[in-house]
PDB file of N, CA and C in Angstrom:
ATOM      1  N   UNK A   1     -49.279  27.760  60.936  1.00  0.00           N
ATOM      2  CA  UNK A   1     -48.807  28.956  61.611  1.00  0.00           C
ATOM      3  C   UNK A   1     -48.966  28.732  63.110  1.00  0.00           C
ATOM      4  N   UNK A   2     -47.930  29.036  63.848  1.00  0.00           N
ATOM      5  CA  UNK A   2     -48.001  28.895  65.297  1.00  0.00           C
ATOM      6  C   UNK A   2     -47.988  30.284  65.938  1.00  0.00           C
ATOM      7  N   UNK A   3     -48.536  30.326  67.121  1.00  0.00           N
ATOM      8  CA  UNK A   3     -48.583  31.591  67.861  1.00  0.00           C
ATOM      9  C   UNK A   3     -47.373  31.685  68.762  1.00  0.00           C
ATOM     10  N   UNK A   4     -46.858  32.900  68.894  1.00  0.00           N
ATOM     11  CA  UNK A   4     -45.753  33.165  69.796  1.00  0.00           C
ATOM     12  C   UNK A   4     -46.161  34.312  70.711  1.00  0.00           C
ATOM     13  N   UNK A   5     -45.723  34.246  71.945  1.00  0.00           N
ATOM     14  CA  UNK A   5     -46.076  35.290  72.905  1.00  0.00           C
ATOM     15  C   UNK A   5     -45.274  36.554  72.621  1.00  0.00           C
ATOM     16  N   UNK A   6     -45.988  37.650  72.504  1.00  0.00           N
ATOM     17  CA  UNK A   6     -45.341  38.934  72.231  1.00  0.00           C
ATOM     18  C   UNK A   6     -44.363  39.304  73.344  1.00  0.00           C
ATOM     19  N   UNK A   7     -44.692  38.939  74.576  1.00  0.00           N
ATOM     20  CA  UNK A   7     -43.807  39.267  75.705  1.00  0.00           C
ATOM     21  C   UNK A   7     -42.469  38.541  75.609  1.00  0.00           C
ATOM     22  N   UNK A   8     -42.436  37.409  74.873  1.00  0.00           N
ATOM     23  CA  UNK A   8     -41.190  36.660  74.701  1.00  0.00           C
ATOM     24  C   UNK A   8     -40.342  37.213  73.556  1.00  0.00           C
ATOM     25  N   UNK A   9     -40.959  38.039  72.700  1.00  0.00           N
ATOM     26  CA  UNK A   9     -40.268  38.484  71.485  1.00  0.00           C
ATOM     27  C   UNK A   9     -39.980  39.980  71.478  1.00  0.00           C
ATOM     28  N   UNK A  10     -40.977  40.768  71.840  1.00  0.00           N
ATOM     29  CA  UNK A  10     -40.880  42.221  71.685  1.00  0.00           C
ATOM     30  C   UNK A  10     -40.364  42.911  72.939  1.00  0.00           C
ATOM     31  N   UNK A  11     -39.628  43.994  72.751  1.00  0.00           N
ATOM     32  CA  UNK A  11     -39.237  44.823  73.899  1.00  0.00           C
ATOM     33  C   UNK A  11     -40.500  45.427  74.528  1.00  0.00           C
ATOM     34  N   UNK A  12     -40.482  45.676  75.808  1.00  0.00           N
ATOM     35  CA  UNK A  12     -41.641  46.173  76.551  1.00  0.00           C
ATOM     36  C   UNK A  12     -42.179  47.477  75.960  1.00  0.00           C
ATOM     37  N   UNK A  13     -41.277  48.343  75.466  1.00  0.00           N
ATOM     38  CA  UNK A  13     -41.718  49.623  74.907  1.00  0.00           C
ATOM     39  C   UNK A  13     -42.591  49.408  73.667  1.00  0.00           C
ATOM     40  N   UNK A  14     -42.184  48.495  72.807  1.00  0.00           N
ATOM     41  CA  UNK A  14     -42.964  48.205  71.594  1.00  0.00           C
ATOM     42  C   UNK A  14     -44.275  47.530  71.969  1.00  0.00           C
ATOM     43  N   UNK A  15     -44.225  46.624  72.922  1.00  0.00           N
ATOM     44  CA  UNK A  15     -45.434  45.934  73.372  1.00  0.00           C
ATOM     45  C   UNK A  15     -46.457  46.928  73.917  1.00  0.00           C
ATOM     46  N   UNK A  16     -46.000  47.908  74.676  1.00  0.00           N
ATOM     47  CA  UNK A  16     -46.912  48.915  75.233  1.00  0.00           C
ATOM     48  C   UNK A  16     -47.545  49.767  74.133  1.00  0.00           C
ATOM     49  N   UNK A  17     -46.797  50.083  73.108  1.00  0.00           N
ATOM     50  CA  UNK A  17     -47.350  50.855  71.984  1.00  0.00           C
ATOM     51  C   UNK A  17     -48.408  50.024  71.260  1.00  0.00           C
ATOM     52  N   UNK A  18     -48.124  48.765  71.021  1.00  0.00           N
ATOM     53  CA  UNK A  18     -49.090  47.891  70.342  1.00  0.00           C
ATOM     54  C   UNK A  18     -50.357  47.746  71.180  1.00  0.00           C
ATOM     55  N   UNK A  19     -50.209  47.654  72.490  1.00  0.00           N
ATOM     56  CA  UNK A  19     -51.363  47.515  73.379  1.00  0.00           C
ATOM     57  C   UNK A  19     -52.280  48.728  73.334  1.00  0.00           C
ATOM     58  N   UNK A  20     -51.777  49.859  72.901  1.00  0.00           N
ATOM     59  CA  UNK A  20     -52.626  51.042  72.738  1.00  0.00           C
ATOM     60  C   UNK A  20     -53.649  50.820  71.631  1.00  0.00           C
ATOM     61  N   UNK A  21     -53.277  49.990  70.632  1.00  0.00           N
ATOM     62  CA  UNK A  21     -54.149  49.727  69.482  1.00  0.00           C
ATOM     63  C   UNK A  21     -54.895  48.402  69.619  1.00  0.00           C
ATOM     64  N   UNK A  22     -54.202  47.392  70.114  1.00  0.00           N
ATOM     65  CA  UNK A  22     -54.775  46.050  70.240  1.00  0.00           C
ATOM     66  C   UNK A  22     -54.419  45.539  71.630  1.00  0.00           C
ATOM     67  N   UNK A  23     -55.418  45.399  72.478  1.00  0.00           N
ATOM     68  CA  UNK A  23     -55.156  44.981  73.853  1.00  0.00           C
ATOM     69  C   UNK A  23     -55.844  43.647  74.115  1.00  0.00           C
ATOM     70  N   UNK A  24     -55.042  42.586  74.146  1.00  0.00           N
ATOM     71  CA  UNK A  24     -55.585  41.269  74.466  1.00  0.00           C
ATOM     72  C   UNK A  24     -56.170  40.526  73.280  1.00  0.00           C
ATOM     73  N   UNK A  25     -56.080  41.068  72.076  1.00  0.00           N
ATOM     74  CA  UNK A  25     -56.578  40.396  70.873  1.00  0.00           C
ATOM     75  C   UNK A  25     -55.413  39.744  70.135  1.00  0.00           C
ATOM     76  N   UNK A  26     -55.772  38.856  69.205  1.00  0.00           N
ATOM     77  CA  UNK A  26     -54.755  38.269  68.341  1.00  0.00           C
ATOM     78  C   UNK A  26     -54.413  39.259  67.246  1.00  0.00           C
ATOM     79  N   UNK A  27     -53.161  39.280  66.879  1.00  0.00           N
ATOM     80  CA  UNK A  27     -52.694  40.196  65.851  1.00  0.00           C
ATOM     81  C   UNK A  27     -51.839  39.409  64.869  1.00  0.00           C
ATOM     82  N   UNK A  28     -52.187  39.493  63.594  1.00  0.00           N
ATOM     83  CA  UNK A  28     -51.397  38.843  62.544  1.00  0.00           C
ATOM     84  C   UNK A  28     -50.430  39.861  61.962  1.00  0.00           C
ATOM     85  N   UNK A  29     -49.172  39.503  61.924  1.00  0.00           N
ATOM     86  CA  UNK A  29     -48.161  40.368  61.329  1.00  0.00           C
ATOM     87  C   UNK A  29     -47.683  39.676  60.056  1.00  0.00           C
ATOM     88  N   UNK A  30     -48.012  40.247  58.886  1.00  0.00           N
ATOM     89  CA  UNK A  30     -47.651  39.594  57.623  1.00  0.00           C
ATOM     90  C   UNK A  30     -46.147  39.630  57.363  1.00  0.00           C
ATOM     91  N   UNK A  31     -45.715  38.723  56.507  1.00  0.00           N
ATOM     92  CA  UNK A  31     -44.307  38.698  56.111  1.00  0.00           C
ATOM     93  C   UNK A  31     -43.988  39.920  55.263  1.00  0.00           C
ATOM     94  N   UNK A  32     -42.716  40.269  55.234  1.00  0.00           N
ATOM     95  CA  UNK A  32     -42.252  41.318  54.334  1.00  0.00           C
ATOM     96  C   UNK A  32     -42.427  40.806  52.908  1.00  0.00           C
ATOM     97  N   UNK A  33     -42.678  41.706  51.974  1.00  0.00           N
ATOM     98  CA  UNK A  33     -42.912  41.316  50.586  1.00  0.00           C
ATOM     99  C   UNK A  33     -41.768  40.477  50.018  1.00  0.00           C
ATOM    100  N   UNK A  34     -40.556  40.812  50.374  1.00  0.00           N
ATOM    101  CA  UNK A  34     -39.417  40.074  49.823  1.00  0.00           C
ATOM    102  C   UNK A  34     -39.283  38.666  50.393  1.00  0.00           C
ATOM    103  N   UNK A  35     -39.996  38.360  51.483  1.00  0.00           N
ATOM    104  CA  UNK A  35     -39.943  37.034  52.094  1.00  0.00           C
ATOM    105  C   UNK A  35     -41.106  36.140  51.702  1.00  0.00           C
ATOM    106  N   UNK A  36     -42.057  36.664  50.946  1.00  0.00           N
ATOM    107  CA  UNK A  36     -43.225  35.879  50.548  1.00  0.00           C
ATOM    108  C   UNK A  36     -42.838  34.961  49.403  1.00  0.00           C
ATOM    109  N   UNK A  37     -43.188  33.681  49.544  1.00  0.00           N
ATOM    110  CA  UNK A  37     -42.890  32.699  48.508  1.00  0.00           C
ATOM    111  C   UNK A  37     -44.125  32.498  47.642  1.00  0.00           C
ATOM    112  N   UNK A  38     -43.884  32.164  46.403  1.00  0.00           N
ATOM    113  CA  UNK A  38     -44.965  31.890  45.469  1.00  0.00           C
ATOM    114  C   UNK A  38     -45.644  30.581  45.865  1.00  0.00           C
ATOM    115  N   UNK A  39     -46.953  30.485  45.579  1.00  0.00           N
ATOM    116  CA  UNK A  39     -47.716  29.298  45.917  1.00  0.00           C
ATOM    117  C   UNK A  39     -47.086  28.072  45.272  1.00  0.00           C
ATOM    118  N   UNK A  40     -46.967  26.990  46.046  1.00  0.00           N
ATOM    119  CA  UNK A  40     -46.454  25.737  45.523  1.00  0.00           C
ATOM    120  C   UNK A  40     -44.945  25.617  45.532  1.00  0.00           C
ATOM    121  N   UNK A  41     -44.253  26.596  46.075  1.00  0.00           N
ATOM    122  CA  UNK A  41     -42.794  26.581  46.083  1.00  0.00           C
ATOM    123  C   UNK A  41     -42.240  25.487  46.993  1.00  0.00           C
ATOM    124  N   UNK A  42     -42.878  25.260  48.127  1.00  0.00           N
ATOM    125  CA  UNK A  42     -42.360  24.307  49.111  1.00  0.00           C
ATOM    126  C   UNK A  42     -42.819  22.876  48.874  1.00  0.00           C
ATOM    127  N   UNK A  43     -43.764  22.661  47.969  1.00  0.00           N
ATOM    128  CA  UNK A  43     -44.292  21.319  47.726  1.00  0.00           C
ATOM    129  C   UNK A  43     -44.317  21.035  46.228  1.00  0.00           C
ATOM    130  N   UNK A  44     -44.745  19.869  45.878  1.00  0.00           N
ATOM    131  CA  UNK A  44     -44.875  19.475  44.473  1.00  0.00           C
ATOM    132  C   UNK A  44     -46.294  19.725  43.961  1.00  0.00           C
ATOM    133  N   UNK A  45     -47.119  20.387  44.736  1.00  0.00           N
ATOM    134  CA  UNK A  45     -48.513  20.601  44.372  1.00  0.00           C
ATOM    135  C   UNK A  45     -48.653  21.357  43.062  1.00  0.00           C
ATOM    136  N   UNK A  46     -47.850  22.370  42.870  1.00  0.00           N
ATOM    137  CA  UNK A  46     -47.935  23.167  41.651  1.00  0.00           C
ATOM    138  C   UNK A  46     -47.589  22.316  40.430  1.00  0.00           C
ATOM    139  N   UNK A  47     -46.526  21.523  40.538  1.00  0.00           N
ATOM    140  CA  UNK A  47     -46.135  20.627  39.445  1.00  0.00           C
ATOM    141  C   UNK A  47     -47.233  19.610  39.160  1.00  0.00           C
ATOM    142  N   UNK A  48     -47.793  19.030  40.229  1.00  0.00           N
ATOM    143  CA  UNK A  48     -48.864  18.041  40.074  1.00  0.00           C
ATOM    144  C   UNK A  48     -50.063  18.662  39.354  1.00  0.00           C
ATOM    145  N   UNK A  49     -50.454  19.854  39.763  1.00  0.00           N
ATOM    146  CA  UNK A  49     -51.618  20.517  39.171  1.00  0.00           C
ATOM    147  C   UNK A  49     -51.375  20.831  37.699  1.00  0.00           C
ATOM    148  N   UNK A  50     -50.182  21.300  37.365  1.00  0.00           N
ATOM    149  CA  UNK A  50     -49.869  21.595  35.963  1.00  0.00           C
ATOM    150  C   UNK A  50     -49.914  20.335  35.114  1.00  0.00           C
ATOM    151  N   UNK A  51     -49.354  19.234  35.624  1.00  0.00           N
ATOM    152  CA  UNK A  51     -49.372  17.960  34.903  1.00  0.00           C
ATOM    153  C   UNK A  51     -50.804  17.458  34.735  1.00  0.00           C
ATOM    154  N   UNK A  52     -51.594  17.548  35.801  1.00  0.00           N
ATOM    155  CA  UNK A  52     -52.998  17.114  35.733  1.00  0.00           C
ATOM    156  C   UNK A  52     -53.761  17.920  34.687  1.00  0.00           C
ATOM    157  N   UNK A  53     -53.544  19.226  34.656  1.00  0.00           N
ATOM    158  CA  UNK A  53     -54.242  20.078  33.702  1.00  0.00           C
ATOM    159  C   UNK A  53     -53.858  19.750  32.256  1.00  0.00           C
ATOM    160  N   UNK A  54     -52.589  19.409  32.037  1.00  0.00           N
ATOM    161  CA  UNK A  54     -52.151  18.987  30.696  1.00  0.00           C
ATOM    162  C   UNK A  54     -52.859  17.694  30.294  1.00  0.00           C
ATOM    163  N   UNK A  55     -52.946  16.754  31.238  1.00  0.00           N
ATOM    164  CA  UNK A  55     -53.627  15.485  30.971  1.00  0.00           C
ATOM    165  C   UNK A  55     -55.101  15.719  30.640  1.00  0.00           C
ATOM    166  N   UNK A  56     -55.730  16.597  31.383  1.00  0.00           N
ATOM    167  CA  UNK A  56     -57.136  16.909  31.138  1.00  0.00           C
ATOM    168  C   UNK A  56     -57.310  17.455  29.727  1.00  0.00           C
ATOM    169  N   UNK A  57     -56.449  18.368  29.334  1.00  0.00           N
ATOM    170  CA  UNK A  57     -56.552  18.964  28.001  1.00  0.00           C
ATOM    171  C   UNK A  57     -56.310  17.918  26.915  1.00  0.00           C
ATOM    172  N   UNK A  58     -55.298  17.055  27.130  1.00  0.00           N
ATOM    173  CA  UNK A  58     -55.010  15.991  26.155  1.00  0.00           C
ATOM    174  C   UNK A  58     -56.219  15.071  25.982  1.00  0.00           C
ATOM    175  N   UNK A  59     -56.854  14.704  27.073  1.00  0.00           N
ATOM    176  CA  UNK A  59     -58.031  13.837  26.988  1.00  0.00           C
ATOM    177  C   UNK A  59     -59.193  14.556  26.311  1.00  0.00           C
ATOM    178  N   UNK A  60     -59.300  15.855  26.556  1.00  0.00           N
ATOM    179  CA  UNK A  60     -60.347  16.645  25.900  1.00  0.00           C
ATOM    180  C   UNK A  60     -60.129  16.635  24.380  1.00  0.00           C
ATOM    181  N   UNK A  61     -58.880  16.809  23.965  1.00  0.00           N
ATOM    182  CA  UNK A  61     -58.542  16.795  22.542  1.00  0.00           C
ATOM    183  C   UNK A  61     -58.822  15.404  21.950  1.00  0.00           C
ATOM    184  N   UNK A  62     -58.619  14.366  22.740  1.00  0.00           N
ATOM    185  CA  UNK A  62     -58.864  12.993  22.281  1.00  0.00           C
ATOM    186  C   UNK A  62     -60.353  12.680  22.158  1.00  0.00           C
ATOM    187  N   UNK A  63     -61.208  13.552  22.712  1.00  0.00           N
ATOM    188  CA  UNK A  63     -62.637  13.343  22.552  1.00  0.00           C
ATOM    189  C   UNK A  63     -63.448  13.186  23.825  1.00  0.00           C
ATOM    190  N   UNK A  64     -62.805  13.224  24.977  1.00  0.00           N
ATOM    191  CA  UNK A  64     -63.555  13.157  26.232  1.00  0.00           C
ATOM    192  C   UNK A  64     -64.413  14.418  26.359  1.00  0.00           C
ATOM    193  N   UNK A  65     -65.613  14.268  26.886  1.00  0.00           N
ATOM    194  CA  UNK A  65     -66.458  15.439  27.117  1.00  0.00           C
ATOM    195  C   UNK A  65     -66.047  16.101  28.436  1.00  0.00           C
ATOM    196  N   UNK A  66     -66.442  17.343  28.599  1.00  0.00           N
ATOM    197  CA  UNK A  66     -66.103  18.044  29.846  1.00  0.00           C
ATOM    198  C   UNK A  66     -66.791  17.389  31.038  1.00  0.00           C
ATOM    199  N   UNK A  67     -67.954  16.834  30.831  1.00  0.00           N
ATOM    200  CA  UNK A  67     -68.663  16.147  31.926  1.00  0.00           C
ATOM    201  C   UNK A  67     -67.921  14.871  32.309  1.00  0.00           C
ATOM    202  N   UNK A  68     -67.433  14.122  31.309  1.00  0.00           N
ATOM    203  CA  UNK A  68     -66.653  12.918  31.599  1.00  0.00           C
ATOM    204  C   UNK A  68     -65.381  13.269  32.367  1.00  0.00           C
ATOM    205  N   UNK A  69     -64.723  14.333  31.949  1.00  0.00           N
ATOM    206  CA  UNK A  69     -63.492  14.755  32.622  1.00  0.00           C
ATOM    207  C   UNK A  69     -63.767  15.210  34.055  1.00  0.00           C
ATOM    208  N   UNK A  70     -64.866  15.906  34.254  1.00  0.00           N
ATOM    209  CA  UNK A  70     -65.226  16.355  35.605  1.00  0.00           C
ATOM    210  C   UNK A  70     -65.421  15.145  36.520  1.00  0.00           C
ATOM    211  N   UNK A  71     -66.076  14.133  36.012  1.00  0.00           N
ATOM    212  CA  UNK A  71     -66.299  12.916  36.797  1.00  0.00           C
ATOM    213  C   UNK A  71     -64.986  12.183  37.043  1.00  0.00           C
ATOM    214  N   UNK A  72     -64.173  12.073  36.017  1.00  0.00           N
ATOM    215  CA  UNK A  72     -62.911  11.342  36.103  1.00  0.00           C
ATOM    216  C   UNK A  72     -61.930  11.978  37.086  1.00  0.00           C
ATOM    217  N   UNK A  73     -61.889  13.314  37.107  1.00  0.00           N
ATOM    218  CA  UNK A  73     -60.926  14.025  37.955  1.00  0.00           C
ATOM    219  C   UNK A  73     -61.541  14.618  39.227  1.00  0.00           C
ATOM    220  N   UNK A  74     -62.802  14.327  39.465  1.00  0.00           N
ATOM    221  CA  UNK A  74     -63.494  14.835  40.658  1.00  0.00           C
ATOM    222  C   UNK A  74     -63.440  16.354  40.759  1.00  0.00           C
ATOM    223  N   UNK A  75     -63.678  17.009  39.617  1.00  0.00           N
ATOM    224  CA  UNK A  75     -63.701  18.465  39.562  1.00  0.00           C
ATOM    225  C   UNK A  75     -65.048  18.911  39.025  1.00  0.00           C
ATOM    226  N   UNK A  76     -65.382  20.172  39.225  1.00  0.00           N
ATOM    227  CA  UNK A  76     -66.642  20.687  38.702  1.00  0.00           C
ATOM    228  C   UNK A  76     -66.529  20.903  37.195  1.00  0.00           C
ATOM    229  N   UNK A  77     -67.665  20.911  36.555  1.00  0.00           N
ATOM    230  CA  UNK A  77     -67.726  21.136  35.116  1.00  0.00           C
ATOM    231  C   UNK A  77     -67.086  22.485  34.767  1.00  0.00           C
ATOM    232  N   UNK A  78     -67.368  23.504  35.557  1.00  0.00           N
ATOM    233  CA  UNK A  78     -66.807  24.851  35.332  1.00  0.00           C
ATOM    234  C   UNK A  78     -65.278  24.840  35.450  1.00  0.00           C
ATOM    235  N   UNK A  79     -64.759  24.084  36.394  1.00  0.00           N
ATOM    236  CA  UNK A  79     -63.313  24.009  36.571  1.00  0.00           C
ATOM    237  C   UNK A  79     -62.667  23.361  35.357  1.00  0.00           C
ATOM    238  N   UNK A  80     -63.272  22.300  34.843  1.00  0.00           N
ATOM    239  CA  UNK A  80     -62.756  21.641  33.640  1.00  0.00           C
ATOM    240  C   UNK A  80     -62.763  22.625  32.469  1.00  0.00           C
ATOM    241  N   UNK A  81     -63.840  23.374  32.323  1.00  0.00           N
ATOM    242  CA  UNK A  81     -63.917  24.363  31.245  1.00  0.00           C
ATOM    243  C   UNK A  81     -62.810  25.411  31.383  1.00  0.00           C
ATOM    244  N   UNK A  82     -62.554  25.861  32.602  1.00  0.00           N
ATOM    245  CA  UNK A  82     -61.509  26.852  32.842  1.00  0.00           C
ATOM    246  C   UNK A  82     -60.139  26.283  32.495  1.00  0.00           C
ATOM    247  N   UNK A  83     -59.895  25.033  32.885  1.00  0.00           N
ATOM    248  CA  UNK A  83     -58.606  24.396  32.596  1.00  0.00           C
ATOM    249  C   UNK A  83     -58.397  24.277  31.089  1.00  0.00           C
ATOM    250  N   UNK A  84     -59.425  23.873  30.369  1.00  0.00           N
ATOM    251  CA  UNK A  84     -59.325  23.738  28.912  1.00  0.00           C
ATOM    252  C   UNK A  84     -59.048  25.095  28.269  1.00  0.00           C
ATOM    253  N   UNK A  85     -59.741  26.105  28.731  1.00  0.00           N
ATOM    254  CA  UNK A  85     -59.550  27.467  28.199  1.00  0.00           C
ATOM    255  C   UNK A  85     -58.104  27.934  28.446  1.00  0.00           C
ATOM    256  N   UNK A  86     -57.584  27.671  29.646  1.00  0.00           N
ATOM    257  CA  UNK A  86     -56.208  28.075  29.976  1.00  0.00           C
ATOM    258  C   UNK A  86     -55.183  27.297  29.158  1.00  0.00           C
ATOM    259  N   UNK A  87     -55.417  26.003  28.977  1.00  0.00           N
ATOM    260  CA  UNK A  87     -54.477  25.181  28.226  1.00  0.00           C
ATOM    261  C   UNK A  87     -54.464  25.554  26.752  1.00  0.00           C
ATOM    262  N   UNK A  88     -55.597  25.952  26.222  1.00  0.00           N
ATOM    263  CA  UNK A  88     -55.665  26.390  24.819  1.00  0.00           C
ATOM    264  C   UNK A  88     -54.792  27.618  24.584  1.00  0.00           C
ATOM    265  N   UNK A  89     -54.821  28.542  25.547  1.00  0.00           N
ATOM    266  CA  UNK A  89     -54.071  29.792  25.371  1.00  0.00           C
ATOM    267  C   UNK A  89     -52.604  29.665  25.764  1.00  0.00           C
ATOM    268  N   UNK A  90     -52.239  28.529  26.346  1.00  0.00           N
ATOM    269  CA  UNK A  90     -50.832  28.338  26.782  1.00  0.00           C
ATOM    270  C   UNK A  90     -49.939  27.982  25.629  1.00  0.00           C
TER     271      UNK A  90
END
């Protein structure tokens, strides 16, 4: 996220109203709900995570222990347990 100067974007009247509430501080203006993208939409991270979780579950079914899987995938024991629980119900 980059910062943009309000004086370059907003009309002076709006800037003066905002300054009544926030004067000289940073202000975050969230996106409109219809413009918010779901996590992982712009990258392959979501696909990678889903594939990794399937692999973890398959190895668990093959006999790997949750501790072995945690070590193998560099995840916490609790995270492995959560992934297995989610994959079972999927």
